[in-house]
Amino acid sequence: MAQLYQCPTMNILKCPTNSFAEIFASDELKDVLFWDGHEYKPLNYKDIKNVYTGEVIKPRNLEQKMAIHLLQN
C-alpha cells in the first residue's frame, strides 16, 4: 500500500488506462485513485452549475463521482 502512494507512476495494481482503483482496508473504502496511463491520481471533479437555473448539481454516490470525473477530465 505504501509503495502505491510513494510511486504513483508505477502501475502496481495493473489497472487499464482510464480506470479507477478502489482502495479498501478492513472492508472499508479508504480511497479511490484514477490511473490515467501514466500515474495514479486522486478522484478529482468539480460540482456542475446549471447556467439556466443557477442550481448546483452534485454527485450522490461514488459511481456518480467517478462519472463526473471522467466527463470533466
N, C-alpha and C. Protein backbone atom coordinates (compact mmCIF):
# COMPACT_ATOMS: atom_id res chain seq x y z
N MET A 1 0.83 -1.19 0.00
CA MET A 1 0.00 0.00 0.00
C MET A 1 0.87 1.25 0.00
N ALA A 2 1.92 1.25 0.80
CA ALA A 2 2.78 2.42 0.87
C ALA A 2 3.47 2.67 -0.47
N GLN A 3 3.85 1.60 -1.16
CA GLN A 3 4.52 1.75 -2.45
C GLN A 3 3.59 2.39 -3.48
N LEU A 4 2.31 2.12 -3.38
CA LEU A 4 1.33 2.72 -4.29
C LEU A 4 1.33 4.24 -4.18
N TYR A 5 1.40 4.76 -2.96
CA TYR A 5 1.38 6.21 -2.75
C TYR A 5 2.76 6.85 -2.93
N GLN A 6 3.82 6.10 -2.68
CA GLN A 6 5.17 6.64 -2.84
C GLN A 6 5.60 6.71 -4.31
N CYS A 7 5.13 5.78 -5.10
CA CYS A 7 5.49 5.73 -6.52
C CYS A 7 4.23 5.71 -7.37
N PRO A 8 3.53 6.82 -7.48
CA PRO A 8 2.26 6.82 -8.22
C PRO A 8 2.42 6.59 -9.72
N THR A 9 3.65 6.67 -10.24
CA THR A 9 3.86 6.46 -11.67
C THR A 9 4.01 4.99 -12.04
N MET A 10 4.12 4.11 -11.05
CA MET A 10 4.20 2.68 -11.29
C MET A 10 2.79 2.08 -11.22
N ASN A 11 2.41 1.34 -12.21
CA ASN A 11 1.08 0.72 -12.23
C ASN A 11 1.11 -0.58 -11.43
N ILE A 12 1.21 -0.43 -10.13
CA ILE A 12 1.32 -1.56 -9.22
C ILE A 12 0.08 -2.44 -9.25
N LEU A 13 -1.08 -1.84 -9.40
CA LEU A 13 -2.34 -2.58 -9.38
C LEU A 13 -2.73 -3.12 -10.75
N LYS A 14 -1.92 -2.85 -11.76
CA LYS A 14 -2.17 -3.32 -13.13
C LYS A 14 -3.52 -2.86 -13.68
N CYS A 15 -3.87 -1.61 -13.41
CA CYS A 15 -5.13 -1.05 -13.90
C CYS A 15 -5.01 -0.69 -15.37
N PRO A 16 -6.07 -0.92 -16.15
CA PRO A 16 -6.07 -0.43 -17.53
C PRO A 16 -6.13 1.10 -17.53
N THR A 17 -5.71 1.72 -18.60
CA THR A 17 -5.75 3.18 -18.71
C THR A 17 -7.18 3.68 -18.56
N ASN A 18 -7.32 4.82 -17.89
CA ASN A 18 -8.61 5.47 -17.62
C ASN A 18 -9.54 4.61 -16.79
N SER A 19 -8.99 4.02 -15.74
CA SER A 19 -9.83 3.22 -14.84
C SER A 19 -9.57 3.63 -13.40
N PHE A 20 -10.47 3.23 -12.54
CA PHE A 20 -10.41 3.57 -11.13
C PHE A 20 -9.97 2.38 -10.30
N ALA A 21 -9.29 2.67 -9.21
CA ALA A 21 -8.91 1.64 -8.23
C ALA A 21 -9.50 2.05 -6.90
N GLU A 22 -10.34 1.21 -6.36
CA GLU A 22 -10.93 1.45 -5.04
C GLU A 22 -10.04 0.77 -4.00
N ILE A 23 -9.56 1.54 -3.04
CA ILE A 23 -8.64 1.03 -2.01
C ILE A 23 -9.45 0.74 -0.75
N PHE A 24 -9.45 -0.53 -0.35
CA PHE A 24 -10.18 -0.95 0.85
C PHE A 24 -9.20 -1.38 1.93
N ALA A 25 -9.59 -1.15 3.18
CA ALA A 25 -8.86 -1.64 4.35
C ALA A 25 -9.91 -2.07 5.37
N SER A 26 -9.84 -3.31 5.78
CA SER A 26 -10.81 -3.86 6.72
C SER A 26 -12.25 -3.69 6.21
N ASP A 27 -12.45 -4.03 4.95
CA ASP A 27 -13.77 -3.94 4.31
C ASP A 27 -14.37 -2.54 4.31
N GLU A 28 -13.53 -1.52 4.43
CA GLU A 28 -13.99 -0.13 4.41
C GLU A 28 -13.26 0.61 3.30
N LEU A 29 -14.00 1.35 2.47
CA LEU A 29 -13.40 2.11 1.39
C LEU A 29 -12.56 3.25 1.98
N LYS A 30 -11.28 3.26 1.65
CA LYS A 30 -10.37 4.28 2.17
C LYS A 30 -10.03 5.35 1.15
N ASP A 31 -9.93 4.97 -0.13
CA ASP A 31 -9.53 5.93 -1.15
C ASP A 31 -9.93 5.41 -2.52
N VAL A 32 -10.03 6.32 -3.46
CA VAL A 32 -10.28 5.99 -4.86
C VAL A 32 -9.23 6.72 -5.69
N LEU A 33 -8.50 5.95 -6.50
CA LEU A 33 -7.46 6.52 -7.34
C LEU A 33 -7.80 6.26 -8.80
N PHE A 34 -7.35 7.16 -9.67
CA PHE A 34 -7.59 7.07 -11.10
C PHE A 34 -6.26 6.85 -11.81
N TRP A 35 -6.18 5.79 -12.63
CA TRP A 35 -4.97 5.53 -13.41
C TRP A 35 -5.17 6.12 -14.80
N ASP A 36 -4.38 7.14 -15.14
CA ASP A 36 -4.54 7.83 -16.43
C ASP A 36 -3.60 7.29 -17.51
N GLY A 37 -2.90 6.22 -17.21
CA GLY A 37 -1.94 5.65 -18.15
C GLY A 37 -0.51 6.03 -17.81
N HIS A 38 -0.36 7.04 -16.94
CA HIS A 38 0.98 7.50 -16.56
C HIS A 38 1.17 7.48 -15.04
N GLU A 39 0.11 7.78 -14.30
CA GLU A 39 0.22 7.80 -12.84
C GLU A 39 -1.17 7.69 -12.20
N TYR A 40 -1.15 7.30 -10.93
CA TYR A 40 -2.38 7.25 -10.14
C TYR A 40 -2.64 8.65 -9.58
N LYS A 41 -3.87 9.11 -9.77
CA LYS A 41 -4.26 10.43 -9.29
C LYS A 41 -5.50 10.28 -8.41
N PRO A 42 -5.67 11.19 -7.46
CA PRO A 42 -6.89 11.12 -6.64
C PRO A 42 -8.12 11.49 -7.46
N LEU A 43 -9.25 11.01 -7.03
CA LEU A 43 -10.52 11.33 -7.67
C LEU A 43 -10.72 12.84 -7.57
N ASN A 44 -10.92 13.50 -8.72
CA ASN A 44 -10.98 14.95 -8.75
C ASN A 44 -12.10 15.38 -9.69
N TYR A 45 -13.02 16.17 -9.18
CA TYR A 45 -14.11 16.68 -10.01
C TYR A 45 -14.62 17.98 -9.41
N LYS A 46 -15.36 18.73 -10.21
CA LYS A 46 -15.98 19.96 -9.74
C LYS A 46 -17.50 19.81 -9.84
N ASP A 47 -18.21 20.39 -8.90
CA ASP A 47 -19.67 20.39 -8.99
C ASP A 47 -20.08 21.15 -10.25
N ILE A 48 -21.20 20.78 -10.82
CA ILE A 48 -21.68 21.39 -12.05
C ILE A 48 -22.78 22.39 -11.72
N LYS A 49 -22.66 23.60 -12.26
CA LYS A 49 -23.67 24.63 -12.03
C LYS A 49 -24.54 24.76 -13.28
N ASN A 50 -25.84 24.63 -13.10
CA ASN A 50 -26.80 24.79 -14.19
C ASN A 50 -26.86 26.28 -14.53
N VAL A 51 -26.50 26.63 -15.76
CA VAL A 51 -26.43 28.05 -16.16
C VAL A 51 -27.81 28.69 -16.27
N TYR A 52 -28.84 27.88 -16.41
CA TYR A 52 -30.19 28.42 -16.57
C TYR A 52 -30.88 28.67 -15.23
N THR A 53 -30.71 27.76 -14.29
CA THR A 53 -31.41 27.89 -13.00
C THR A 53 -30.48 28.31 -11.87
N GLY A 54 -29.17 28.18 -12.07
CA GLY A 54 -28.22 28.51 -11.02
C GLY A 54 -28.06 27.39 -10.01
N GLU A 55 -28.77 26.31 -10.20
CA GLU A 55 -28.71 25.16 -9.29
C GLU A 55 -27.37 24.45 -9.42
N VAL A 56 -26.81 24.03 -8.30
CA VAL A 56 -25.55 23.28 -8.30
C VAL A 56 -25.89 21.80 -8.29
N ILE A 57 -25.32 21.08 -9.24
CA ILE A 57 -25.55 19.64 -9.37
C ILE A 57 -24.36 18.93 -8.75
N LYS A 58 -24.65 18.10 -7.75
CA LYS A 58 -23.61 17.35 -7.06
C LYS A 58 -23.86 15.86 -7.20
N PRO A 59 -22.79 15.07 -7.28
CA PRO A 59 -22.97 13.62 -7.35
C PRO A 59 -23.51 13.08 -6.02
N ARG A 60 -24.34 12.05 -6.11
CA ARG A 60 -24.96 11.48 -4.91
C ARG A 60 -24.21 10.28 -4.35
N ASN A 61 -23.41 9.63 -5.18
CA ASN A 61 -22.70 8.44 -4.71
C ASN A 61 -21.35 8.33 -5.42
N LEU A 62 -20.60 7.31 -5.07
CA LEU A 62 -19.26 7.14 -5.61
C LEU A 62 -19.27 6.95 -7.12
N GLU A 63 -20.23 6.19 -7.63
CA GLU A 63 -20.30 5.94 -9.06
C GLU A 63 -20.53 7.24 -9.83
N GLN A 64 -21.38 8.12 -9.31
CA GLN A 64 -21.61 9.40 -9.96
C GLN A 64 -20.38 10.30 -9.88
N LYS A 65 -19.65 10.23 -8.77
CA LYS A 65 -18.40 11.00 -8.65
C LYS A 65 -17.41 10.54 -9.71
N MET A 66 -17.31 9.23 -9.92
CA MET A 66 -16.41 8.69 -10.93
C MET A 66 -16.84 9.13 -12.34
N ALA A 67 -18.12 9.10 -12.60
CA ALA A 67 -18.63 9.50 -13.92
C ALA A 67 -18.34 10.97 -14.19
N ILE A 68 -18.57 11.83 -13.22
CA ILE A 68 -18.30 13.27 -13.39
C ILE A 68 -16.80 13.50 -13.58
N HIS A 69 -15.98 12.77 -12.84
CA HIS A 69 -14.53 12.87 -13.01
C HIS A 69 -14.14 12.55 -14.46
N LEU A 70 -14.69 11.46 -15.01
CA LEU A 70 -14.36 11.09 -16.38
C LEU A 70 -14.84 12.13 -17.39
N LEU A 71 -16.02 12.68 -17.18
CA LEU A 71 -16.54 13.69 -18.10
C LEU A 71 -15.72 14.98 -18.07
N GLN A 72 -15.25 15.36 -16.91
CA GLN A 72 -14.53 16.62 -16.78
C GLN A 72 -13.03 16.49 -17.11
N ASN A 73 -12.52 15.29 -17.12
CA ASN A 73 -11.09 15.11 -17.38
C ASN A 73 -10.90 14.39 -18.69
